[in-house]
Amino acid sequence: MFDGRNKPHRLFYVVVDEDGIVGYGELVERGYAEYELTRIYLLPEFQGKGIGKRLLRQLINDVSPLRRMFAWVEKENGGGRSFYESMQFHVEEEIEDHFFGTVTHLLKYVRKWE
């Protein structure tokens, strides 16, 4: 929630096992009931086991109210795209990002709740 200083609400969670941190995820409030998933990552050996989905579900469950969530994904990132699509996100927008002479195509994945 936005406080008196207009700082957005953030959630940052880590995933740990007996050896330490194996992943993390962060949500940042961008407006009333709207959040951006700015980070979600698992070490490669922990990917494909449902851990990322559980992490994202926990982040979703811990914000209220929630009407809209979005995340930017590189168009070439097939694994990331499959992950968001499996979590009921849909592409809403595509942009070109120019960063120090490198052009990246980004897709804005969005999920809405009524």
PDB file of N, CA and C in Angstrom:
ATOM      1  N   MET A   1       0.825  -1.171   0.000  1.00  0.00           N
ATOM      2  CA  MET A   1       0.000   0.000   0.000  1.00  0.00           C
ATOM      3  C   MET A   1       0.872   1.237   0.000  1.00  0.00           C
ATOM      4  N   PHE A   2       0.369   2.303  -0.572  1.00  0.00           N
ATOM      5  CA  PHE A   2       1.127   3.541  -0.587  1.00  0.00           C
ATOM      6  C   PHE A   2       1.001   4.201   0.776  1.00  0.00           C
ATOM      7  N   ASP A   3       2.140   4.558   1.362  1.00  0.00           N
ATOM      8  CA  ASP A   3       2.101   5.241   2.647  1.00  0.00           C
ATOM      9  C   ASP A   3       2.145   6.749   2.415  1.00  0.00           C
ATOM     10  N   GLY A   4       2.271   7.511   3.449  1.00  0.00           N
ATOM     11  CA  GLY A   4       2.266   8.957   3.358  1.00  0.00           C
ATOM     12  C   GLY A   4       3.403   9.524   2.526  1.00  0.00           C
ATOM     13  N   ARG A   5       4.450   8.762   2.323  1.00  0.00           N
ATOM     14  CA  ARG A   5       5.587   9.226   1.517  1.00  0.00           C
ATOM     15  C   ARG A   5       5.520   8.693   0.089  1.00  0.00           C
ATOM     16  N   ASN A   6       4.405   8.094  -0.273  1.00  0.00           N
ATOM     17  CA  ASN A   6       4.183   7.538  -1.612  1.00  0.00           C
ATOM     18  C   ASN A   6       5.185   6.452  -1.993  1.00  0.00           C
ATOM     19  N   LYS A   7       5.651   5.701  -1.018  1.00  0.00           N
ATOM     20  CA  LYS A   7       6.519   4.563  -1.317  1.00  0.00           C
ATOM     21  C   LYS A   7       5.630   3.354  -1.583  1.00  0.00           C
ATOM     22  N   PRO A   8       5.899   2.626  -2.660  1.00  0.00           N
ATOM     23  CA  PRO A   8       5.065   1.458  -2.953  1.00  0.00           C
ATOM     24  C   PRO A   8       5.331   0.323  -1.976  1.00  0.00           C
ATOM     25  N   HIS A   9       4.302  -0.445  -1.745  1.00  0.00           N
ATOM     26  CA  HIS A   9       4.393  -1.648  -0.920  1.00  0.00           C
ATOM     27  C   HIS A   9       5.174  -2.707  -1.693  1.00  0.00           C
ATOM     28  N   ARG A  10       6.073  -3.409  -1.022  1.00  0.00           N
ATOM     29  CA  ARG A  10       6.875  -4.468  -1.652  1.00  0.00           C
ATOM     30  C   ARG A  10       6.807  -5.733  -0.809  1.00  0.00           C
ATOM     31  N   LEU A  11       6.808  -6.856  -1.499  1.00  0.00           N
ATOM     32  CA  LEU A  11       6.977  -8.148  -0.848  1.00  0.00           C
ATOM     33  C   LEU A  11       8.201  -8.792  -1.475  1.00  0.00           C
ATOM     34  N   PHE A  12       9.111  -9.271  -0.669  1.00  0.00           N
ATOM     35  CA  PHE A  12      10.289  -9.972  -1.165  1.00  0.00           C
ATOM     36  C   PHE A  12      10.423 -11.256  -0.364  1.00  0.00           C
ATOM     37  N   TYR A  13      10.299 -12.388  -1.036  1.00  0.00           N
ATOM     38  CA  TYR A  13      10.375 -13.691  -0.379  1.00  0.00           C
ATOM     39  C   TYR A  13      11.584 -14.455  -0.910  1.00  0.00           C
ATOM     40  N   VAL A  14      12.152 -15.262  -0.052  1.00  0.00           N
ATOM     41  CA  VAL A  14      13.230 -16.150  -0.471  1.00  0.00           C
ATOM     42  C   VAL A  14      12.783 -17.595  -0.262  1.00  0.00           C
ATOM     43  N   VAL A  15      13.341 -18.467  -1.069  1.00  0.00           N
ATOM     44  CA  VAL A  15      13.115 -19.905  -0.952  1.00  0.00           C
ATOM     45  C   VAL A  15      14.420 -20.500  -0.445  1.00  0.00           C
ATOM     46  N   VAL A  16      14.337 -21.270   0.626  1.00  0.00           N
ATOM     47  CA  VAL A  16      15.546 -21.853   1.210  1.00  0.00           C
ATOM     48  C   VAL A  16      15.400 -23.366   1.328  1.00  0.00           C
ATOM     49  N   ASP A  17      16.512 -24.042   1.295  1.00  0.00           N
ATOM     50  CA  ASP A  17      16.572 -25.448   1.671  1.00  0.00           C
ATOM     51  C   ASP A  17      17.650 -25.564   2.746  1.00  0.00           C
ATOM     52  N   GLU A  18      18.037 -26.764   3.071  1.00  0.00           N
ATOM     53  CA  GLU A  18      19.005 -26.942   4.157  1.00  0.00           C
ATOM     54  C   GLU A  18      20.376 -26.335   3.856  1.00  0.00           C
ATOM     55  N   ASP A  19      20.653 -26.075   2.575  1.00  0.00           N
ATOM     56  CA  ASP A  19      21.950 -25.511   2.205  1.00  0.00           C
ATOM     57  C   ASP A  19      21.943 -23.997   2.026  1.00  0.00           C
ATOM     58  N   GLY A  20      20.760 -23.376   2.061  1.00  0.00           N
ATOM     59  CA  GLY A  20      20.704 -21.926   1.913  1.00  0.00           C
ATOM     60  C   GLY A  20      19.637 -21.477   0.933  1.00  0.00           C
ATOM     61  N   ILE A  21      19.797 -20.277   0.432  1.00  0.00           N
ATOM     62  CA  ILE A  21      18.820 -19.672  -0.479  1.00  0.00           C
ATOM     63  C   ILE A  21      18.929 -20.323  -1.854  1.00  0.00           C
ATOM     64  N   VAL A  22      17.764 -20.727  -2.395  1.00  0.00           N
ATOM     65  CA  VAL A  22      17.738 -21.350  -3.719  1.00  0.00           C
ATOM     66  C   VAL A  22      16.896 -20.542  -4.711  1.00  0.00           C
ATOM     67  N   GLY A  23      16.226 -19.507  -4.215  1.00  0.00           N
ATOM     68  CA  GLY A  23      15.422 -18.687  -5.111  1.00  0.00           C
ATOM     69  C   GLY A  23      14.810 -17.509  -4.380  1.00  0.00           C
ATOM     70  N   TYR A  24      14.139 -16.650  -5.157  1.00  0.00           N
ATOM     71  CA  TYR A  24      13.506 -15.473  -4.575  1.00  0.00           C
ATOM     72  C   TYR A  24      12.445 -14.934  -5.516  1.00  0.00           C
ATOM     73  N   GLY A  25      11.557 -14.101  -4.973  1.00  0.00           N
ATOM     74  CA  GLY A  25      10.526 -13.433  -5.760  1.00  0.00           C
ATOM     75  C   GLY A  25      10.174 -12.113  -5.123  1.00  0.00           C
ATOM     76  N   GLU A  26       9.827 -11.121  -5.947  1.00  0.00           N
ATOM     77  CA  GLU A  26       9.478  -9.797  -5.427  1.00  0.00           C
ATOM     78  C   GLU A  26       8.282  -9.232  -6.185  1.00  0.00           C
ATOM     79  N   LEU A  27       7.331  -8.698  -5.428  1.00  0.00           N
ATOM     80  CA  LEU A  27       6.193  -7.952  -5.960  1.00  0.00           C
ATOM     81  C   LEU A  27       6.329  -6.506  -5.521  1.00  0.00           C
ATOM     82  N   VAL A  28       5.999  -5.581  -6.427  1.00  0.00           N
ATOM     83  CA  VAL A  28       6.004  -4.154  -6.107  1.00  0.00           C
ATOM     84  C   VAL A  28       4.652  -3.581  -6.506  1.00  0.00           C
ATOM     85  N   GLU A  29       4.032  -2.879  -5.579  1.00  0.00           N
ATOM     86  CA  GLU A  29       2.737  -2.250  -5.858  1.00  0.00           C
ATOM     87  C   GLU A  29       2.943  -1.091  -6.823  1.00  0.00           C
ATOM     88  N   ARG A  30       2.162  -1.069  -7.903  1.00  0.00           N
ATOM     89  CA  ARG A  30       2.268  -0.026  -8.917  1.00  0.00           C
ATOM     90  C   ARG A  30       1.047   0.887  -8.948  1.00  0.00           C
ATOM     91  N   GLY A  31       0.017   0.537  -8.249  1.00  0.00           N
ATOM     92  CA  GLY A  31      -1.219   1.316  -8.178  1.00  0.00           C
ATOM     93  C   GLY A  31      -2.191   0.562  -7.306  1.00  0.00           C
ATOM     94  N   TYR A  32      -3.392   1.102  -7.167  1.00  0.00           N
ATOM     95  CA  TYR A  32      -4.375   0.431  -6.327  1.00  0.00           C
ATOM     96  C   TYR A  32      -4.671  -0.962  -6.876  1.00  0.00           C
ATOM     97  N   ALA A  33      -4.400  -1.991  -6.092  1.00  0.00           N
ATOM     98  CA  ALA A  33      -4.679  -3.391  -6.416  1.00  0.00           C
ATOM     99  C   ALA A  33      -3.913  -3.883  -7.657  1.00  0.00           C
ATOM    100  N   GLU A  34      -2.816  -3.206  -8.007  1.00  0.00           N
ATOM    101  CA  GLU A  34      -2.000  -3.595  -9.151  1.00  0.00           C
ATOM    102  C   GLU A  34      -0.555  -3.788  -8.691  1.00  0.00           C
ATOM    103  N   TYR A  35       0.017  -4.943  -9.053  1.00  0.00           N
ATOM    104  CA  TYR A  35       1.374  -5.283  -8.648  1.00  0.00           C
ATOM    105  C   TYR A  35       2.189  -5.734  -9.846  1.00  0.00           C
ATOM    106  N   GLU A  36       3.476  -5.393  -9.809  1.00  0.00           N
ATOM    107  CA  GLU A  36       4.419  -5.895 -10.799  1.00  0.00           C
ATOM    108  C   GLU A  36       5.281  -6.966 -10.141  1.00  0.00           C
ATOM    109  N   LEU A  37       5.377  -8.103 -10.797  1.00  0.00           N
ATOM    110  CA  LEU A  37       6.307  -9.139 -10.367  1.00  0.00           C
ATOM    111  C   LEU A  37       7.654  -8.760 -10.966  1.00  0.00           C
ATOM    112  N   THR A  38       8.483  -8.116 -10.157  1.00  0.00           N
ATOM    113  CA  THR A  38       9.746  -7.580 -10.658  1.00  0.00           C
ATOM    114  C   THR A  38      10.858  -8.622 -10.703  1.00  0.00           C
ATOM    115  N   ARG A  39      10.727  -9.650  -9.861  1.00  0.00           N
ATOM    116  CA  ARG A  39      11.757 -10.689  -9.818  1.00  0.00           C
ATOM    117  C   ARG A  39      11.132 -12.014  -9.416  1.00  0.00           C
ATOM    118  N   ILE A  40      11.532 -13.048 -10.105  1.00  0.00           N
ATOM    119  CA  ILE A  40      11.269 -14.414  -9.643  1.00  0.00           C
ATOM    120  C   ILE A  40      12.369 -15.273 -10.252  1.00  0.00           C
ATOM    121  N   TYR A  41      13.065 -15.995  -9.411  1.00  0.00           N
ATOM    122  CA  TYR A  41      14.203 -16.777  -9.877  1.00  0.00           C
ATOM    123  C   TYR A  41      14.430 -17.961  -8.950  1.00  0.00           C
ATOM    124  N   LEU A  42      14.790 -19.074  -9.568  1.00  0.00           N
ATOM    125  CA  LEU A  42      15.240 -20.258  -8.834  1.00  0.00           C
ATOM    126  C   LEU A  42      16.539 -20.738  -9.461  1.00  0.00           C
ATOM    127  N   LEU A  43      17.426 -21.256  -8.647  1.00  0.00           N
ATOM    128  CA  LEU A  43      18.631 -21.880  -9.190  1.00  0.00           C
ATOM    129  C   LEU A  43      18.215 -22.970 -10.182  1.00  0.00           C
ATOM    130  N   PRO A  44      18.986 -23.161 -11.238  1.00  0.00           N
ATOM    131  CA  PRO A  44      18.589 -24.115 -12.277  1.00  0.00           C
ATOM    132  C   PRO A  44      18.219 -25.506 -11.766  1.00  0.00           C
ATOM    133  N   GLU A  45      18.944 -26.012 -10.786  1.00  0.00           N
ATOM    134  CA  GLU A  45      18.654 -27.365 -10.294  1.00  0.00           C
ATOM    135  C   GLU A  45      17.335 -27.459  -9.524  1.00  0.00           C
ATOM    136  N   PHE A  46      16.714 -26.327  -9.215  1.00  0.00           N
ATOM    137  CA  PHE A  46      15.427 -26.311  -8.513  1.00  0.00           C
ATOM    138  C   PHE A  46      14.263 -25.955  -9.443  1.00  0.00           C
ATOM    139  N   GLN A  47      14.571 -25.645 -10.694  1.00  0.00           N
ATOM    140  CA  GLN A  47      13.529 -25.302 -11.655  1.00  0.00           C
ATOM    141  C   GLN A  47      12.823 -26.554 -12.148  1.00  0.00           C
ATOM    142  N   GLY A  48      11.554 -26.387 -12.547  1.00  0.00           N
ATOM    143  CA  GLY A  48      10.785 -27.505 -13.085  1.00  0.00           C
ATOM    144  C   GLY A  48      10.230 -28.446 -12.042  1.00  0.00           C
ATOM    145  N   LYS A  49      10.247 -28.050 -10.777  1.00  0.00           N
ATOM    146  CA  LYS A  49       9.766 -28.902  -9.685  1.00  0.00           C
ATOM    147  C   LYS A  49       8.527 -28.321  -9.005  1.00  0.00           C
ATOM    148  N   GLY A  50       7.971 -27.239  -9.551  1.00  0.00           N
ATOM    149  CA  GLY A  50       6.778 -26.634  -8.967  1.00  0.00           C
ATOM    150  C   GLY A  50       7.061 -25.610  -7.886  1.00  0.00           C
ATOM    151  N   ILE A  51       8.324 -25.401  -7.575  1.00  0.00           N
ATOM    152  CA  ILE A  51       8.688 -24.463  -6.501  1.00  0.00           C
ATOM    153  C   ILE A  51       8.363 -23.028  -6.907  1.00  0.00           C
ATOM    154  N   GLY A  52       8.677 -22.648  -8.142  1.00  0.00           N
ATOM    155  CA  GLY A  52       8.381 -21.300  -8.619  1.00  0.00           C
ATOM    156  C   GLY A  52       6.886 -21.014  -8.603  1.00  0.00           C
ATOM    157  N   LYS A  53       6.088 -21.989  -8.982  1.00  0.00           N
ATOM    158  CA  LYS A  53       4.629 -21.821  -8.956  1.00  0.00           C
ATOM    159  C   LYS A  53       4.135 -21.634  -7.528  1.00  0.00           C
ATOM    160  N   ARG A  54       4.672 -22.410  -6.600  1.00  0.00           N
ATOM    161  CA  ARG A  54       4.269 -22.247  -5.189  1.00  0.00           C
ATOM    162  C   ARG A  54       4.686 -20.875  -4.662  1.00  0.00           C
ATOM    163  N   LEU A  55       5.873 -20.428  -5.046  1.00  0.00           N
ATOM    164  CA  LEU A  55       6.345 -19.106  -4.629  1.00  0.00           C
ATOM    165  C   LEU A  55       5.421 -18.020  -5.173  1.00  0.00           C
ATOM    166  N   LEU A  56       5.095 -18.089  -6.459  1.00  0.00           N
ATOM    167  CA  LEU A  56       4.213 -17.077  -7.040  1.00  0.00           C
ATOM    168  C   LEU A  56       2.830 -17.125  -6.405  1.00  0.00           C
ATOM    169  N   ARG A  57       2.292 -18.317  -6.157  1.00  0.00           N
ATOM    170  CA  ARG A  57       0.984 -18.419  -5.485  1.00  0.00           C
ATOM    171  C   ARG A  57       1.036 -17.782  -4.101  1.00  0.00           C
ATOM    172  N   GLN A  58       2.133 -17.977  -3.381  1.00  0.00           N
ATOM    173  CA  GLN A  58       2.256 -17.373  -2.046  1.00  0.00           C
ATOM    174  C   GLN A  58       2.285 -15.854  -2.143  1.00  0.00           C
ATOM    175  N   LEU A  59       3.030 -15.315  -3.091  1.00  0.00           N
ATOM    176  CA  LEU A  59       3.054 -13.866  -3.285  1.00  0.00           C
ATOM    177  C   LEU A  59       1.649 -13.346  -3.614  1.00  0.00           C
ATOM    178  N   ILE A  60       0.951 -14.033  -4.506  1.00  0.00           N
ATOM    179  CA  ILE A  60      -0.410 -13.642  -4.885  1.00  0.00           C
ATOM    180  C   ILE A  60      -1.329 -13.667  -3.670  1.00  0.00           C
ATOM    181  N   ASN A  61      -1.228 -14.703  -2.867  1.00  0.00           N
ATOM    182  CA  ASN A  61      -2.103 -14.851  -1.702  1.00  0.00           C
ATOM    183  C   ASN A  61      -1.836 -13.817  -0.620  1.00  0.00           C
ATOM    184  N   ASP A  62      -0.634 -13.247  -0.609  1.00  0.00           N
ATOM    185  CA  ASP A  62      -0.261 -12.344   0.475  1.00  0.00           C
ATOM    186  C   ASP A  62      -0.470 -10.869   0.163  1.00  0.00           C
ATOM    187  N   VAL A  63      -1.085 -10.542  -0.973  1.00  0.00           N
ATOM    188  CA  VAL A  63      -1.438  -9.150  -1.260  1.00  0.00           C
ATOM    189  C   VAL A  63      -2.947  -9.040  -1.413  1.00  0.00           C
ATOM    190  N   SER A  64      -3.473  -7.972  -0.865  1.00  0.00           N
ATOM    191  CA  SER A  64      -4.912  -7.742  -0.946  1.00  0.00           C
ATOM    192  C   SER A  64      -5.168  -6.258  -0.789  1.00  0.00           C
ATOM    193  N   PRO A  65      -6.007  -5.691  -1.597  1.00  0.00           N
ATOM    194  CA  PRO A  65      -6.711  -6.330  -2.703  1.00  0.00           C
ATOM    195  C   PRO A  65      -5.777  -6.514  -3.890  1.00  0.00           C
ATOM    196  N   LEU A  66      -6.138  -7.440  -4.768  1.00  0.00           N
ATOM    197  CA  LEU A  66      -5.360  -7.705  -5.976  1.00  0.00           C
ATOM    198  C   LEU A  66      -6.313  -7.819  -7.155  1.00  0.00           C
ATOM    199  N   ARG A  67      -6.131  -6.943  -8.122  1.00  0.00           N
ATOM    200  CA  ARG A  67      -6.955  -6.990  -9.336  1.00  0.00           C
ATOM    201  C   ARG A  67      -6.125  -7.250 -10.583  1.00  0.00           C
ATOM    202  N   ARG A  68      -4.829  -6.883 -10.522  1.00  0.00           N
ATOM    203  CA  ARG A  68      -4.000  -6.999 -11.725  1.00  0.00           C
ATOM    204  C   ARG A  68      -2.546  -7.188 -11.315  1.00  0.00           C
ATOM    205  N   MET A  69      -1.873  -8.110 -12.021  1.00  0.00           N
ATOM    206  CA  MET A  69      -0.448  -8.335 -11.805  1.00  0.00           C
ATOM    207  C   MET A  69       0.204  -8.451 -13.173  1.00  0.00           C
ATOM    208  N   PHE A  70       1.418  -7.918 -13.284  1.00  0.00           N
ATOM    209  CA  PHE A  70       2.121  -8.028 -14.557  1.00  0.00           C
ATOM    210  C   PHE A  70       3.600  -8.278 -14.336  1.00  0.00           C
ATOM    211  N   ALA A  71       4.236  -8.800 -15.406  1.00  0.00           N
ATOM    212  CA  ALA A  71       5.668  -9.079 -15.391  1.00  0.00           C
ATOM    213  C   ALA A  71       6.198  -8.916 -16.807  1.00  0.00           C
ATOM    214  N   TRP A  72       7.412  -8.412 -16.929  1.00  0.00           N
ATOM    215  CA  TRP A  72       8.079  -8.274 -18.222  1.00  0.00           C
ATOM    216  C   TRP A  72       8.991  -9.469 -18.433  1.00  0.00           C
ATOM    217  N   VAL A  73       8.930 -10.049 -19.637  1.00  0.00           N
ATOM    218  CA  VAL A  73       9.707 -11.239 -19.967  1.00  0.00           C
ATOM    219  C   VAL A  73      10.346 -11.038 -21.337  1.00  0.00           C
ATOM    220  N   GLU A  74      11.604 -11.406 -21.479  1.00  0.00           N
ATOM    221  CA  GLU A  74      12.230 -11.344 -22.797  1.00  0.00           C
ATOM    222  C   GLU A  74      11.514 -12.306 -23.737  1.00  0.00           C
ATOM    223  N   LYS A  75      11.236 -11.829 -24.928  1.00  0.00           N
ATOM    224  CA  LYS A  75      10.506 -12.621 -25.910  1.00  0.00           C
ATOM    225  C   LYS A  75      11.196 -13.963 -26.180  1.00  0.00           C
ATOM    226  N   GLU A  76      12.512 -13.977 -26.141  1.00  0.00           N
ATOM    227  CA  GLU A  76      13.280 -15.190 -26.418  1.00  0.00           C
ATOM    228  C   GLU A  76      13.335 -16.156 -25.237  1.00  0.00           C
ATOM    229  N   ASN A  77      12.802 -15.775 -24.092  1.00  0.00           N
ATOM    230  CA  ASN A  77      12.856 -16.595 -22.881  1.00  0.00           C
ATOM    231  C   ASN A  77      11.686 -17.583 -22.870  1.00  0.00           C
ATOM    232  N   GLY A  78      11.854 -18.689 -23.590  1.00  0.00           N
ATOM    233  CA  GLY A  78      10.784 -19.682 -23.698  1.00  0.00           C
ATOM    234  C   GLY A  78      10.365 -20.277 -22.371  1.00  0.00           C
ATOM    235  N   GLY A  79      11.317 -20.539 -21.505  1.00  0.00           N
ATOM    236  CA  GLY A  79      10.987 -21.103 -20.197  1.00  0.00           C
ATOM    237  C   GLY A  79      10.183 -20.139 -19.353  1.00  0.00           C
ATOM    238  N   GLY A  80      10.581 -18.878 -19.349  1.00  0.00           N
ATOM    239  CA  GLY A  80       9.848 -17.869 -18.598  1.00  0.00           C
ATOM    240  C   GLY A  80       8.445 -17.673 -19.142  1.00  0.00           C
ATOM    241  N   ARG A  81       8.333 -17.647 -20.456  1.00  0.00           N
ATOM    242  CA  ARG A  81       7.023 -17.475 -21.086  1.00  0.00           C
ATOM    243  C   ARG A  81       6.098 -18.641 -20.746  1.00  0.00           C
ATOM    244  N   SER A  82       6.626 -19.858 -20.801  1.00  0.00           N
ATOM    245  CA  SER A  82       5.823 -21.041 -20.449  1.00  0.00           C
ATOM    246  C   SER A  82       5.364 -20.982 -18.996  1.00  0.00           C
ATOM    247  N   PHE A  83       6.261 -20.518 -18.126  1.00  0.00           N
ATOM    248  CA  PHE A  83       5.918 -20.397 -16.709  1.00  0.00           C
ATOM    249  C   PHE A  83       4.733 -19.461 -16.524  1.00  0.00           C
ATOM    250  N   TYR A  84       4.794 -18.260 -17.087  1.00  0.00           N
ATOM    251  CA  TYR A  84       3.709 -17.299 -16.906  1.00  0.00           C
ATOM    252  C   TYR A  84       2.411 -17.791 -17.536  1.00  0.00           C
ATOM    253  N   GLU A  85       2.513 -18.403 -18.711  1.00  0.00           N
ATOM    254  CA  GLU A  85       1.308 -18.916 -19.356  1.00  0.00           C
ATOM    255  C   GLU A  85       0.672 -20.024 -18.523  1.00  0.00           C
ATOM    256  N   SER A  86       1.479 -20.852 -17.869  1.00  0.00           N
ATOM    257  CA  SER A  86       0.939 -21.908 -17.008  1.00  0.00           C
ATOM    258  C   SER A  86       0.275 -21.339 -15.760  1.00  0.00           C
ATOM    259  N   MET A  87       0.618 -20.094 -15.417  1.00  0.00           N
ATOM    260  CA  MET A  87       0.029 -19.430 -14.245  1.00  0.00           C
ATOM    261  C   MET A  87      -1.093 -18.464 -14.647  1.00  0.00           C
ATOM    262  N   GLN A  88      -1.619 -18.628 -15.849  1.00  0.00           N
ATOM    263  CA  GLN A  88      -2.770 -17.880 -16.356  1.00  0.00           C
ATOM    264  C   GLN A  88      -2.469 -16.415 -16.670  1.00  0.00           C
ATOM    265  N   PHE A  89      -1.240 -16.102 -17.004  1.00  0.00           N
ATOM    266  CA  PHE A  89      -0.876 -14.779 -17.484  1.00  0.00           C
ATOM    267  C   PHE A  89      -0.998 -14.788 -19.012  1.00  0.00           C
ATOM    268  N   HIS A  90      -1.310 -13.625 -19.586  1.00  0.00           N
ATOM    269  CA  HIS A  90      -1.451 -13.489 -21.029  1.00  0.00           C
ATOM    270  C   HIS A  90      -0.671 -12.266 -21.499  1.00  0.00           C
ATOM    271  N   VAL A  91      -0.139 -12.341 -22.712  1.00  0.00           N
ATOM    272  CA  VAL A  91       0.621 -11.220 -23.271  1.00  0.00           C
ATOM    273  C   VAL A  91      -0.347 -10.085 -23.581  1.00  0.00           C
ATOM    274  N   GLU A  92       0.005  -8.899 -23.091  1.00  0.00           N
ATOM    275  CA  GLU A  92      -0.813  -7.710 -23.323  1.00  0.00           C
ATOM    276  C   GLU A  92      -0.092  -6.699 -24.208  1.00  0.00           C
ATOM    277  N   GLU A  93       1.243  -6.753 -24.220  1.00  0.00           N
ATOM    278  CA  GLU A  93       2.012  -5.718 -24.903  1.00  0.00           C
ATOM    279  C   GLU A  93       3.387  -6.257 -25.260  1.00  0.00           C
ATOM    280  N   GLU A  94       3.974  -5.716 -26.313  1.00  0.00           N
ATOM    281  CA  GLU A  94       5.356  -6.029 -26.677  1.00  0.00           C
ATOM    282  C   GLU A  94       6.076  -4.716 -26.938  1.00  0.00           C
ATOM    283  N   ILE A  95       7.298  -4.596 -26.390  1.00  0.00           N
ATOM    284  CA  ILE A  95       8.090  -3.388 -26.611  1.00  0.00           C
ATOM    285  C   ILE A  95       9.517  -3.771 -26.981  1.00  0.00           C
ATOM    286  N   GLU A  96      10.229  -2.809 -27.545  1.00  0.00           N
ATOM    287  CA  GLU A  96      11.661  -2.929 -27.755  1.00  0.00           C
ATOM    288  C   GLU A  96      12.350  -2.105 -26.683  1.00  0.00           C
ATOM    289  N   ASP A  97      13.272  -2.721 -25.983  1.00  0.00           N
ATOM    290  CA  ASP A  97      14.042  -2.039 -24.954  1.00  0.00           C
ATOM    291  C   ASP A  97      15.446  -1.809 -25.487  1.00  0.00           C
ATOM    292  N   HIS A  98      15.874  -0.556 -25.546  1.00  0.00           N
ATOM    293  CA  HIS A  98      17.213  -0.203 -26.026  1.00  0.00           C
ATOM    294  C   HIS A  98      18.079   0.103 -24.808  1.00  0.00           C
ATOM    295  N   PHE A  99      19.109  -0.701 -24.614  1.00  0.00           N
ATOM    296  CA  PHE A  99      19.964  -0.559 -23.442  1.00  0.00           C
ATOM    297  C   PHE A  99      21.415  -0.623 -23.886  1.00  0.00           C
ATOM    298  N   PHE A 100      22.090   0.522 -23.886  1.00  0.00           N
ATOM    299  CA  PHE A 100      23.498   0.621 -24.269  1.00  0.00           C
ATOM    300  C   PHE A 100      23.785  -0.084 -25.598  1.00  0.00           C
ATOM    301  N   GLY A 101      22.955   0.197 -26.585  1.00  0.00           N
ATOM    302  CA  GLY A 101      23.169  -0.337 -27.916  1.00  0.00           C
ATOM    303  C   GLY A 101      22.618  -1.729 -28.161  1.00  0.00           C
ATOM    304  N   THR A 102      22.071  -2.342 -27.152  1.00  0.00           N
ATOM    305  CA  THR A 102      21.481  -3.672 -27.303  1.00  0.00           C
ATOM    306  C   THR A 102      19.960  -3.531 -27.311  1.00  0.00           C
ATOM    307  N   VAL A 103      19.330  -4.182 -28.273  1.00  0.00           N
ATOM    308  CA  VAL A 103      17.876  -4.155 -28.372  1.00  0.00           C
ATOM    309  C   VAL A 103      17.322  -5.481 -27.860  1.00  0.00           C
ATOM    310  N   THR A 104      16.403  -5.402 -26.924  1.00  0.00           N
ATOM    311  CA  THR A 104      15.738  -6.574 -26.374  1.00  0.00           C
ATOM    312  C   THR A 104      14.245  -6.423 -26.602  1.00  0.00           C
ATOM    313  N   HIS A 105      13.597  -7.495 -27.016  1.00  0.00           N
ATOM    314  CA  HIS A 105      12.141  -7.492 -27.184  1.00  0.00           C
ATOM    315  C   HIS A 105      11.526  -8.046 -25.905  1.00  0.00           C
ATOM    316  N   LEU A 106      10.675  -7.239 -25.282  1.00  0.00           N
ATOM    317  CA  LEU A 106      10.038  -7.618 -24.027  1.00  0.00           C
ATOM    318  C   LEU A 106       8.541  -7.784 -24.216  1.00  0.00           C
ATOM    319  N   LEU A 107       7.996  -8.790 -23.529  1.00  0.00           N
ATOM    320  CA  LEU A 107       6.563  -9.030 -23.523  1.00  0.00           C
ATOM    321  C   LEU A 107       6.022  -8.715 -22.133  1.00  0.00           C
ATOM    322  N   LYS A 108       4.909  -8.019 -22.086  1.00  0.00           N
ATOM    323  CA  LYS A 108       4.259  -7.727 -20.814  1.00  0.00           C
ATOM    324  C   LYS A 108       3.178  -8.774 -20.582  1.00  0.00           C
ATOM    325  N   TYR A 109       3.437  -9.664 -19.622  1.00  0.00           N
ATOM    326  CA  TYR A 109       2.471 -10.696 -19.244  1.00  0.00           C
ATOM    327  C   TYR A 109       1.596 -10.155 -18.114  1.00  0.00           C
ATOM    328  N   VAL A 110       0.281 -10.344 -18.257  1.00  0.00           N
ATOM    329  CA  VAL A 110      -0.686  -9.791 -17.313  1.00  0.00           C
ATOM    330  C   VAL A 110      -1.654 -10.871 -16.874  1.00  0.00           C
ATOM    331  N   ARG A 111      -2.019 -10.822 -15.605  1.00  0.00           N
ATOM    332  CA  ARG A 111      -3.096 -11.657 -15.072  1.00  0.00           C
ATOM    333  C   ARG A 111      -4.029 -10.745 -14.302  1.00  0.00           C
ATOM    334  N   LYS A 112      -5.341 -10.977 -14.492  1.00  0.00           N
ATOM    335  CA  LYS A 112      -6.348 -10.139 -13.840  1.00  0.00           C
ATOM    336  C   LYS A 112      -7.249 -10.979 -12.952  1.00  0.00           C
ATOM    337  N   TRP A 113      -7.701 -10.354 -11.883  1.00  0.00           N
ATOM    338  CA  TRP A 113      -8.676 -10.937 -10.983  1.00  0.00           C
ATOM    339  C   TRP A 113      -9.855  -9.980 -10.923  1.00  0.00           C
ATOM    340  N   GLU A 114     -11.041 -10.524 -10.854  1.00  0.00           N
ATOM    341  CA  GLU A 114     -12.240  -9.660 -10.761  1.00  0.00           C
ATOM    342  C   GLU A 114     -12.694  -9.532  -9.337  1.00  0.00           C
TER     343      GLU A 114
END
